[in-house]
Protein backbone atom coordinates (compact mmCIF):
# COMPACT_ATOMS: atom_id res chain seq x y z
CA MET A 1 -21.08 14.99 -6.18
CA THR A 2 -18.38 15.55 -3.87
CA ASN A 3 -16.86 19.07 -3.75
CA THR A 4 -13.14 19.09 -4.34
CA ALA A 5 -9.80 21.05 -3.65
CA ILE A 6 -6.27 19.35 -5.19
CA LEU A 7 -3.58 21.34 -3.76
CA LEU A 8 -0.64 21.12 -5.75
CA GLY A 9 2.74 21.37 -4.79
CA SER A 10 5.23 21.18 -7.63
CA ALA A 11 8.40 22.99 -8.10
CA ARG A 12 7.34 22.61 -11.93
CA SER A 13 3.40 23.64 -11.85
CA ASP A 14 3.63 23.21 -15.71
CA GLY A 15 6.08 19.48 -14.90
CA ASN A 16 3.84 15.79 -15.37
CA THR A 17 2.02 16.32 -11.31
CA GLY A 18 0.54 19.73 -12.58
CA ALA A 19 -0.53 17.52 -16.27
CA LEU A 20 -2.17 14.67 -13.93
CA VAL A 21 -3.67 17.82 -11.70
CA ASN A 22 -5.19 19.40 -13.96
CA TYR A 23 -6.82 16.45 -15.96
CA THR A 24 -8.10 14.66 -12.59
CA ALA A 25 -9.45 18.35 -11.74
CA GLU A 26 -11.56 18.44 -15.09
CA LEU A 27 -12.59 14.55 -14.43
CA LEU A 28 -14.00 15.97 -10.89
CA ASN A 29 -14.32 19.59 -11.78
CA ALA A 30 -12.27 19.98 -9.23
CA ASP A 31 -10.59 23.67 -8.03
CA VAL A 32 -6.50 24.13 -7.96
CA PHE A 33 -4.52 25.46 -5.68
CA ASP A 34 -0.94 25.53 -6.50
CA LEU A 35 1.53 25.99 -3.64
CA ASN A 36 4.40 27.48 -5.61
CA GLU A 37 0.91 30.61 -6.09
CA HIS A 38 1.21 30.87 -1.66
CA GLN A 39 3.68 31.67 0.06
CA VAL A 40 3.56 29.18 2.93
CA LEU A 41 6.87 28.62 5.28
CA PRO A 42 8.56 26.34 7.10
CA PHE A 43 6.31 25.07 11.18
CA ASP A 44 8.49 27.43 13.48
CA TYR A 45 8.02 26.49 17.65
CA LEU A 46 8.67 29.88 18.28
CA ALA A 47 5.86 31.64 16.09
CA SER A 48 3.70 31.68 14.20
CA ALA A 49 4.64 32.36 10.21
CA ASP A 50 3.27 35.75 8.72
CA ASP A 51 2.52 33.57 5.81
CA ASP A 52 -0.59 33.08 3.84
CA PHE A 53 -1.20 29.44 4.91
CA ARG A 54 -3.71 30.50 7.05
CA THR A 55 -5.52 31.97 4.70
CA LEU A 56 -5.24 28.32 1.67
CA SER A 57 -5.99 26.19 4.78
CA ALA A 58 -9.26 28.69 5.46
CA GLN A 59 -9.84 28.32 1.61
CA LEU A 60 -9.40 24.62 1.91
CA LEU A 61 -11.88 23.37 4.76
CA ASN A 62 -14.34 24.41 2.41
CA TYR A 63 -14.24 21.09 0.74
CA ASP A 64 -15.62 18.17 1.60
CA ARG A 65 -12.57 15.96 -0.19
CA ILE A 66 -9.20 17.37 -0.30
CA VAL A 67 -6.34 16.18 -3.10
CA PHE A 68 -2.72 16.57 -2.49
CA ALA A 69 -0.62 16.38 -5.47
CA THR A 70 3.05 15.63 -5.57
CA PRO A 71 6.19 14.34 -6.91
CA MET A 72 7.72 11.98 -5.57
CA TYR A 73 11.20 13.74 -4.72
CA TRP A 74 14.09 10.52 -2.93
CA TYR A 75 11.03 8.91 -1.79
CA SER A 76 9.43 12.04 -0.29
CA ALA A 77 6.95 14.69 -1.35
CA SER A 78 7.93 17.69 -2.97
CA ALA A 79 9.49 20.70 -0.47
CA GLN A 80 6.28 23.06 -0.89
CA MET A 81 4.18 20.08 0.13
CA LYS A 82 6.44 19.23 2.48
CA ALA A 83 6.19 22.29 4.57
CA PHE A 84 2.18 22.84 3.98
CA LEU A 85 2.16 19.52 6.14
CA ASP A 86 4.45 20.88 8.48
CA ARG A 87 2.63 23.96 9.09
CA LEU A 88 -1.16 21.43 9.61
CA THR A 89 0.97 21.75 13.24
CA ASP A 90 -0.64 24.82 13.13
CA PHE A 91 -3.83 24.14 13.79
CA LEU A 92 -3.30 21.37 16.69
CA ARG A 93 -1.11 24.10 18.71
CA GLU A 94 -2.87 27.17 18.01
CA GLU A 95 -6.02 26.84 15.83
CA LYS A 96 -7.60 23.30 16.89
CA ASP A 97 -11.31 24.32 16.30
CA LYS A 98 -10.17 24.30 12.30
CA GLY A 99 -8.39 21.41 13.19
CA ARG A 100 -11.05 19.91 14.07
CA GLN A 101 -13.10 21.20 10.74
CA LEU A 102 -10.71 18.68 8.75
CA ARG A 103 -12.63 15.22 10.84
CA GLY A 104 -14.52 13.28 8.21
CA LYS A 105 -13.26 14.45 5.15
CA GLN A 106 -11.83 13.20 1.82
CA ALA A 107 -8.25 12.76 1.50
CA PHE A 108 -6.08 11.50 -1.58
CA LEU A 109 -2.93 11.84 -2.57
CA LEU A 110 -2.00 12.23 -6.99
CA ALA A 111 1.57 11.55 -7.33
CA THR A 112 4.15 11.44 -10.29
CA GLY A 113 7.29 9.49 -9.86
CA ALA A 114 9.76 8.15 -12.16
CA THR A 115 9.29 4.53 -11.40
CA GLU A 116 6.68 2.13 -12.34
CA LYS A 117 5.86 2.04 -8.14
CA PRO A 118 6.25 4.17 -5.91
CA ALA A 119 8.51 3.70 -2.52
CA HIS A 120 6.07 1.98 0.51
CA CYS A 121 7.32 4.90 2.35
CA PHE A 122 6.22 7.64 0.43
CA GLN A 123 2.37 6.96 0.77
CA GLU A 124 3.14 5.67 4.31
CA MET A 125 3.85 9.51 5.65
CA PHE A 126 -0.10 10.91 3.35
CA SER A 127 -1.99 8.17 4.93
CA LEU A 128 -0.33 8.60 9.17
CA THR A 129 -1.58 12.46 9.26
CA PHE A 130 -4.39 11.78 7.58
CA ASN A 131 -5.64 9.50 9.75
CA TYR A 132 -3.59 11.82 12.67
CA LEU A 133 -5.90 14.52 11.63
CA GLY A 134 -8.97 12.52 11.16
CA MET A 135 -9.62 12.97 7.53
CA ILE A 136 -10.19 9.17 5.36
CA ASP A 137 -8.17 8.47 3.69
CA GLU A 138 -8.79 7.27 0.10
CA GLY A 139 -5.90 6.16 -1.26
CA MET A 140 -2.84 6.87 -3.65
CA LEU A 141 -3.34 7.28 -7.62
CA TYR A 142 0.65 7.19 -8.63
CA CYS A 143 1.80 7.00 -12.21
CA ASP A 144 4.86 6.15 -13.18
CA CYS A 145 5.90 9.21 -16.05
CA SER A 146 9.33 7.93 -16.40
CA GLN A 147 8.20 8.58 -20.72
CA GLY A 148 6.67 11.76 -19.09
CA PHE A 149 2.73 12.67 -18.78
CA ASP A 150 0.26 11.56 -21.28
CA ARG A 151 -3.82 11.02 -20.98
CA SER A 152 -4.05 9.17 -23.30
CA SER A 153 -1.55 6.56 -21.83
CA HIS A 154 -2.51 7.01 -18.47
CA ALA A 155 -5.76 7.32 -18.80
CA ILE A 156 -7.47 4.05 -17.84
CA LYS A 157 -5.70 4.36 -14.64
CA VAL A 158 -6.57 7.77 -14.16
CA GLY A 159 -10.16 6.43 -14.59
CA ASP A 160 -10.27 3.14 -12.62
CA PHE A 161 -9.06 4.67 -9.16
CA LEU A 162 -11.33 7.61 -9.63
CA LEU A 163 -14.66 5.02 -10.14
CA THR A 164 -12.93 3.54 -7.14
CA LEU A 165 -13.47 6.25 -5.83
CA GLU A 166 -15.87 7.68 -6.55
CA ASN A 167 -17.94 4.24 -5.55
CA ALA A 168 -16.74 4.29 -1.89
CA VAL A 169 -18.27 7.91 -2.30
CA GLU A 170 -21.72 6.29 -2.93
CA GLU A 171 -21.34 3.74 -0.52
CA MET A 172 -20.72 6.12 2.18
CA ALA A 173 -23.39 7.68 1.40
């Protein structure tokens, strides 16, 4: 079994995305890191930020699989998730040895929204970032939560996605 970290980036830790994260974490036996519990400042070309990014990212590097979880807000990630993704630039500018440790790690996206399907551009931002960093893009699990997140109504979709993910891991081995 692959060790998995889930990075939750949502304005509401206990909202629909948080419920999807908790459910998925149980199924994958994953560790959850909530960006609301960490201070991650926006990227700054002029100076390194004095915040929790380096400590948090060092913890995430200990995992084989990193799951990025965010609601879809206006066709994009939450502000918390976007700030974290932007800060990955620190790995490319200042700490290239850490950035190289992302290569070969599995990455996928957990997302919720209030539409049946997400906009194509939403997933593309993550896919392009994963590919640029040399991570293995395992795709996205998106749940329409226009009626809220309910384990029973989303169980088949979550289960099917995780089964596909585990089959991909076995094929790689």
